[in-house]
Amino acid sequence: LRSCKDKISDEQVVDKILRTLPPRFDHVAVAIEESRNLDIMEIEELQNSLEAHEMRINER
């Protein structure tokens, strides 16, 4: 998205990522949306949350 040289906020990128996650992440996306302020969430914070969830799933 950012490679198109358009100014895109972290909020827009976070929203786009959450909307395009595979269905197996639906419950995680909902939990993130409900428990965190997406207006101030940074991309790295979202990435860390998703990676932590994926690690928990892979451990099962």
PDB file of N, CA and C in Angstrom:
ATOM      1  N   LEU A   1       0.817  -1.201   0.000  1.00  0.00           N
ATOM      2  CA  LEU A   1       0.000   0.000   0.000  1.00  0.00           C
ATOM      3  C   LEU A   1       0.856   1.259   0.000  1.00  0.00           C
ATOM      4  N   ARG A   2       1.848   1.245   0.864  1.00  0.00           N
ATOM      5  CA  ARG A   2       2.670   2.452   0.974  1.00  0.00           C
ATOM      6  C   ARG A   2       3.616   2.616  -0.214  1.00  0.00           C
ATOM      7  N   SER A   3       3.868   1.558  -0.947  1.00  0.00           N
ATOM      8  CA  SER A   3       4.783   1.659  -2.078  1.00  0.00           C
ATOM      9  C   SER A   3       4.200   2.475  -3.222  1.00  0.00           C
ATOM     10  N   CYS A   4       2.918   2.754  -3.179  1.00  0.00           N
ATOM     11  CA  CYS A   4       2.266   3.575  -4.210  1.00  0.00           C
ATOM     12  C   CYS A   4       2.498   5.058  -3.975  1.00  0.00           C
ATOM     13  N   LYS A   5       3.245   5.389  -2.929  1.00  0.00           N
ATOM     14  CA  LYS A   5       3.597   6.760  -2.580  1.00  0.00           C
ATOM     15  C   LYS A   5       2.409   7.588  -2.113  1.00  0.00           C
ATOM     16  N   ASP A   6       1.322   6.939  -1.771  1.00  0.00           N
ATOM     17  CA  ASP A   6       0.199   7.637  -1.163  1.00  0.00           C
ATOM     18  C   ASP A   6       0.406   7.626   0.338  1.00  0.00           C
ATOM     19  N   LYS A   7      -0.033   8.684   0.981  1.00  0.00           N
ATOM     20  CA  LYS A   7       0.068   8.749   2.439  1.00  0.00           C
ATOM     21  C   LYS A   7      -1.046   7.899   3.032  1.00  0.00           C
ATOM     22  N   ILE A   8      -0.659   6.849   3.741  1.00  0.00           N
ATOM     23  CA  ILE A   8      -1.618   5.954   4.373  1.00  0.00           C
ATOM     24  C   ILE A   8      -1.234   5.847   5.843  1.00  0.00           C
ATOM     25  N   SER A   9      -2.194   6.086   6.712  1.00  0.00           N
ATOM     26  CA  SER A   9      -1.926   6.042   8.146  1.00  0.00           C
ATOM     27  C   SER A   9      -1.823   4.603   8.634  1.00  0.00           C
ATOM     28  N   ASP A  10      -1.184   4.443   9.802  1.00  0.00           N
ATOM     29  CA  ASP A  10      -1.122   3.124  10.428  1.00  0.00           C
ATOM     30  C   ASP A  10      -2.527   2.594  10.673  1.00  0.00           C
ATOM     31  N   GLU A  11      -3.443   3.476  11.047  1.00  0.00           N
ATOM     32  CA  GLU A  11      -4.830   3.066  11.299  1.00  0.00           C
ATOM     33  C   GLU A  11      -5.440   2.419  10.058  1.00  0.00           C
ATOM     34  N   GLN A  12      -5.206   2.999   8.888  1.00  0.00           N
ATOM     35  CA  GLN A  12      -5.741   2.442   7.646  1.00  0.00           C
ATOM     36  C   GLN A  12      -5.095   1.096   7.323  1.00  0.00           C
ATOM     37  N   VAL A  13      -3.800   0.980   7.554  1.00  0.00           N
ATOM     38  CA  VAL A  13      -3.094  -0.268   7.277  1.00  0.00           C
ATOM     39  C   VAL A  13      -3.572  -1.364   8.226  1.00  0.00           C
ATOM     40  N   VAL A  14      -3.698  -1.044   9.513  1.00  0.00           N
ATOM     41  CA  VAL A  14      -4.185  -2.017  10.500  1.00  0.00           C
ATOM     42  C   VAL A  14      -5.577  -2.493  10.114  1.00  0.00           C
ATOM     43  N   ASP A  15      -6.450  -1.561   9.750  1.00  0.00           N
ATOM     44  CA  ASP A  15      -7.810  -1.920   9.344  1.00  0.00           C
ATOM     45  C   ASP A  15      -7.792  -2.840   8.127  1.00  0.00           C
ATOM     46  N   LYS A  16      -6.974  -2.528   7.148  1.00  0.00           N
ATOM     47  CA  LYS A  16      -6.873  -3.342   5.934  1.00  0.00           C
ATOM     48  C   LYS A  16      -6.363  -4.750   6.257  1.00  0.00           C
ATOM     49  N   ILE A  17      -5.356  -4.834   7.107  1.00  0.00           N
ATOM     50  CA  ILE A  17      -4.810  -6.141   7.480  1.00  0.00           C
ATOM     51  C   ILE A  17      -5.879  -6.977   8.172  1.00  0.00           C
ATOM     52  N   LEU A  18      -6.587  -6.385   9.126  1.00  0.00           N
ATOM     53  CA  LEU A  18      -7.618  -7.132   9.858  1.00  0.00           C
ATOM     54  C   LEU A  18      -8.735  -7.608   8.931  1.00  0.00           C
ATOM     55  N   ARG A  19      -9.074  -6.808   7.927  1.00  0.00           N
ATOM     56  CA  ARG A  19     -10.144  -7.192   6.998  1.00  0.00           C
ATOM     57  C   ARG A  19      -9.714  -8.271   6.016  1.00  0.00           C
ATOM     58  N   THR A  20      -8.422  -8.430   5.793  1.00  0.00           N
ATOM     59  CA  THR A  20      -7.958  -9.381   4.781  1.00  0.00           C
ATOM     60  C   THR A  20      -7.325 -10.643   5.370  1.00  0.00           C
ATOM     61  N   LEU A  21      -7.431 -10.817   6.677  1.00  0.00           N
ATOM     62  CA  LEU A  21      -6.899 -12.036   7.297  1.00  0.00           C
ATOM     63  C   LEU A  21      -7.699 -13.248   6.852  1.00  0.00           C
ATOM     64  N   PRO A  22      -7.060 -14.414   6.808  1.00  0.00           N
ATOM     65  CA  PRO A  22      -7.796 -15.644   6.477  1.00  0.00           C
ATOM     66  C   PRO A  22      -8.851 -15.939   7.550  1.00  0.00           C
ATOM     67  N   PRO A  23      -9.866 -16.710   7.182  1.00  0.00           N
ATOM     68  CA  PRO A  23     -10.959 -17.012   8.123  1.00  0.00           C
ATOM     69  C   PRO A  23     -10.500 -17.608   9.454  1.00  0.00           C
ATOM     70  N   ARG A  24      -9.388 -18.327   9.474  1.00  0.00           N
ATOM     71  CA  ARG A  24      -8.946 -18.925  10.739  1.00  0.00           C
ATOM     72  C   ARG A  24      -8.533 -17.864  11.760  1.00  0.00           C
ATOM     73  N   PHE A  25      -8.375 -16.615  11.329  1.00  0.00           N
ATOM     74  CA  PHE A  25      -8.025 -15.521  12.229  1.00  0.00           C
ATOM     75  C   PHE A  25      -9.229 -14.648  12.580  1.00  0.00           C
ATOM     76  N   ASP A  26     -10.432 -15.033  12.166  1.00  0.00           N
ATOM     77  CA  ASP A  26     -11.621 -14.211  12.422  1.00  0.00           C
ATOM     78  C   ASP A  26     -11.790 -13.892  13.900  1.00  0.00           C
ATOM     79  N   HIS A  27     -11.696 -14.911  14.750  1.00  0.00           N
ATOM     80  CA  HIS A  27     -11.900 -14.671  16.180  1.00  0.00           C
ATOM     81  C   HIS A  27     -10.792 -13.797  16.769  1.00  0.00           C
ATOM     82  N   VAL A  28      -9.602 -13.890  16.231  1.00  0.00           N
ATOM     83  CA  VAL A  28      -8.496 -13.057  16.699  1.00  0.00           C
ATOM     84  C   VAL A  28      -8.728 -11.607  16.283  1.00  0.00           C
ATOM     85  N   ALA A  29      -9.155 -11.411  15.039  1.00  0.00           N
ATOM     86  CA  ALA A  29      -9.422 -10.061  14.547  1.00  0.00           C
ATOM     87  C   ALA A  29     -10.509  -9.394  15.384  1.00  0.00           C
ATOM     88  N   VAL A  30     -11.568 -10.137  15.685  1.00  0.00           N
ATOM     89  CA  VAL A  30     -12.655  -9.584  16.502  1.00  0.00           C
ATOM     90  C   VAL A  30     -12.139  -9.231  17.892  1.00  0.00           C
ATOM     91  N   ALA A  31     -11.347 -10.103  18.481  1.00  0.00           N
ATOM     92  CA  ALA A  31     -10.799  -9.838  19.816  1.00  0.00           C
ATOM     93  C   ALA A  31      -9.920  -8.587  19.811  1.00  0.00           C
ATOM     94  N   ILE A  32      -9.103  -8.424  18.792  1.00  0.00           N
ATOM     95  CA  ILE A  32      -8.242  -7.242  18.689  1.00  0.00           C
ATOM     96  C   ILE A  32      -9.091  -5.989  18.521  1.00  0.00           C
ATOM     97  N   GLU A  33     -10.083  -6.053  17.643  1.00  0.00           N
ATOM     98  CA  GLU A  33     -10.952  -4.898  17.408  1.00  0.00           C
ATOM     99  C   GLU A  33     -11.700  -4.492  18.670  1.00  0.00           C
ATOM    100  N   GLU A  34     -12.147  -5.463  19.454  1.00  0.00           N
ATOM    101  CA  GLU A  34     -12.941  -5.178  20.649  1.00  0.00           C
ATOM    102  C   GLU A  34     -12.086  -4.733  21.835  1.00  0.00           C
ATOM    103  N   SER A  35     -10.865  -5.214  21.920  1.00  0.00           N
ATOM    104  CA  SER A  35     -10.075  -4.963  23.124  1.00  0.00           C
ATOM    105  C   SER A  35      -9.047  -3.843  22.988  1.00  0.00           C
ATOM    106  N   ARG A  36      -8.811  -3.382  21.795  1.00  0.00           N
ATOM    107  CA  ARG A  36      -7.765  -2.379  21.600  1.00  0.00           C
ATOM    108  C   ARG A  36      -8.304  -1.173  20.851  1.00  0.00           C
ATOM    109  N   ASN A  37      -7.646  -0.048  21.054  1.00  0.00           N
ATOM    110  CA  ASN A  37      -7.993   1.174  20.342  1.00  0.00           C
ATOM    111  C   ASN A  37      -7.256   1.160  19.001  1.00  0.00           C
ATOM    112  N   LEU A  38      -7.966   0.824  17.945  1.00  0.00           N
ATOM    113  CA  LEU A  38      -7.334   0.697  16.629  1.00  0.00           C
ATOM    114  C   LEU A  38      -6.857   2.038  16.082  1.00  0.00           C
ATOM    115  N   ASP A  39      -7.395   3.142  16.620  1.00  0.00           N
ATOM    116  CA  ASP A  39      -6.974   4.465  16.161  1.00  0.00           C
ATOM    117  C   ASP A  39      -5.506   4.739  16.475  1.00  0.00           C
ATOM    118  N   ILE A  40      -5.000   4.099  17.523  1.00  0.00           N
ATOM    119  CA  ILE A  40      -3.610   4.365  17.915  1.00  0.00           C
ATOM    120  C   ILE A  40      -2.719   3.132  17.807  1.00  0.00           C
ATOM    121  N   MET A  41      -3.274   2.022  17.356  1.00  0.00           N
ATOM    122  CA  MET A  41      -2.493   0.787  17.236  1.00  0.00           C
ATOM    123  C   MET A  41      -1.481   0.913  16.102  1.00  0.00           C
ATOM    124  N   GLU A  42      -0.258   0.513  16.389  1.00  0.00           N
ATOM    125  CA  GLU A  42       0.784   0.527  15.372  1.00  0.00           C
ATOM    126  C   GLU A  42       0.823  -0.823  14.664  1.00  0.00           C
ATOM    127  N   ILE A  43       1.344  -0.823  13.466  1.00  0.00           N
ATOM    128  CA  ILE A  43       1.413  -2.039  12.654  1.00  0.00           C
ATOM    129  C   ILE A  43       2.226  -3.112  13.376  1.00  0.00           C
ATOM    130  N   GLU A  44       3.309  -2.720  14.019  1.00  0.00           N
ATOM    131  CA  GLU A  44       4.161  -3.675  14.725  1.00  0.00           C
ATOM    132  C   GLU A  44       3.404  -4.349  15.863  1.00  0.00           C
ATOM    133  N   GLU A  45       2.551  -3.598  16.551  1.00  0.00           N
ATOM    134  CA  GLU A  45       1.756  -4.163  17.643  1.00  0.00           C
ATOM    135  C   GLU A  45       0.782  -5.209  17.104  1.00  0.00           C
ATOM    136  N   LEU A  46       0.154  -4.902  15.982  1.00  0.00           N
ATOM    137  CA  LEU A  46      -0.749  -5.864  15.354  1.00  0.00           C
ATOM    138  C   LEU A  46       0.024  -7.105  14.917  1.00  0.00           C
ATOM    139  N   GLN A  47       1.160  -6.901  14.302  1.00  0.00           N
ATOM    140  CA  GLN A  47       1.981  -8.023  13.851  1.00  0.00           C
ATOM    141  C   GLN A  47       2.366  -8.916  15.028  1.00  0.00           C
ATOM    142  N   ASN A  48       2.763  -8.322  16.136  1.00  0.00           N
ATOM    143  CA  ASN A  48       3.137  -9.108  17.314  1.00  0.00           C
ATOM    144  C   ASN A  48       1.958  -9.918  17.833  1.00  0.00           C
ATOM    145  N   SER A  49       0.780  -9.333  17.868  1.00  0.00           N
ATOM    146  CA  SER A  49      -0.413 -10.049  18.335  1.00  0.00           C
ATOM    147  C   SER A  49      -0.733 -11.229  17.429  1.00  0.00           C
ATOM    148  N   LEU A  50      -0.663 -11.014  16.131  1.00  0.00           N
ATOM    149  CA  LEU A  50      -0.975 -12.084  15.182  1.00  0.00           C
ATOM    150  C   LEU A  50       0.068 -13.196  15.228  1.00  0.00           C
ATOM    151  N   GLU A  51       1.335 -12.829  15.355  1.00  0.00           N
ATOM    152  CA  GLU A  51       2.390 -13.840  15.445  1.00  0.00           C
ATOM    153  C   GLU A  51       2.265 -14.652  16.732  1.00  0.00           C
ATOM    154  N   ALA A  52       1.919 -14.005  17.837  1.00  0.00           N
ATOM    155  CA  ALA A  52       1.737 -14.721  19.101  1.00  0.00           C
ATOM    156  C   ALA A  52       0.593 -15.721  18.980  1.00  0.00           C
ATOM    157  N   HIS A  53      -0.488 -15.317  18.337  1.00  0.00           N
ATOM    158  CA  HIS A  53      -1.615 -16.229  18.145  1.00  0.00           C
ATOM    159  C   HIS A  53      -1.200 -17.412  17.266  1.00  0.00           C
ATOM    160  N   GLU A  54      -0.497 -17.136  16.199  1.00  0.00           N
ATOM    161  CA  GLU A  54      -0.076 -18.203  15.295  1.00  0.00           C
ATOM    162  C   GLU A  54       0.852 -19.195  16.008  1.00  0.00           C
ATOM    163  N   MET A  55       1.733 -18.691  16.855  1.00  0.00           N
ATOM    164  CA  MET A  55       2.621 -19.575  17.613  1.00  0.00           C
ATOM    165  C   MET A  55       1.817 -20.476  18.544  1.00  0.00           C
ATOM    166  N   ARG A  56       0.792 -19.913  19.204  1.00  0.00           N
ATOM    167  CA  ARG A  56      -0.048 -20.720  20.090  1.00  0.00           C
ATOM    168  C   ARG A  56      -0.778 -21.798  19.313  1.00  0.00           C
ATOM    169  N   ILE A  57      -1.270 -21.463  18.132  1.00  0.00           N
ATOM    170  CA  ILE A  57      -1.983 -22.439  17.295  1.00  0.00           C
ATOM    171  C   ILE A  57      -1.028 -23.550  16.854  1.00  0.00           C
ATOM    172  N   ASN A  58       0.167 -23.194  16.452  1.00  0.00           N
ATOM    173  CA  ASN A  58       1.139 -24.180  15.969  1.00  0.00           C
ATOM    174  C   ASN A  58       1.651 -25.100  17.069  1.00  0.00           C
ATOM    175  N   GLU A  59       1.563 -24.674  18.325  1.00  0.00           N
ATOM    176  CA  GLU A  59       2.016 -25.499  19.440  1.00  0.00           C
ATOM    177  C   GLU A  59       1.035 -26.617  19.754  1.00  0.00           C
ATOM    178  N   ARG A  60      -0.189 -26.506  19.288  1.00  0.00           N
ATOM    179  CA  ARG A  60      -1.219 -27.509  19.599  1.00  0.00           C
ATOM    180  C   ARG A  60      -1.078 -28.738  18.770  1.00  0.00           C
TER     181      ARG A  60
END
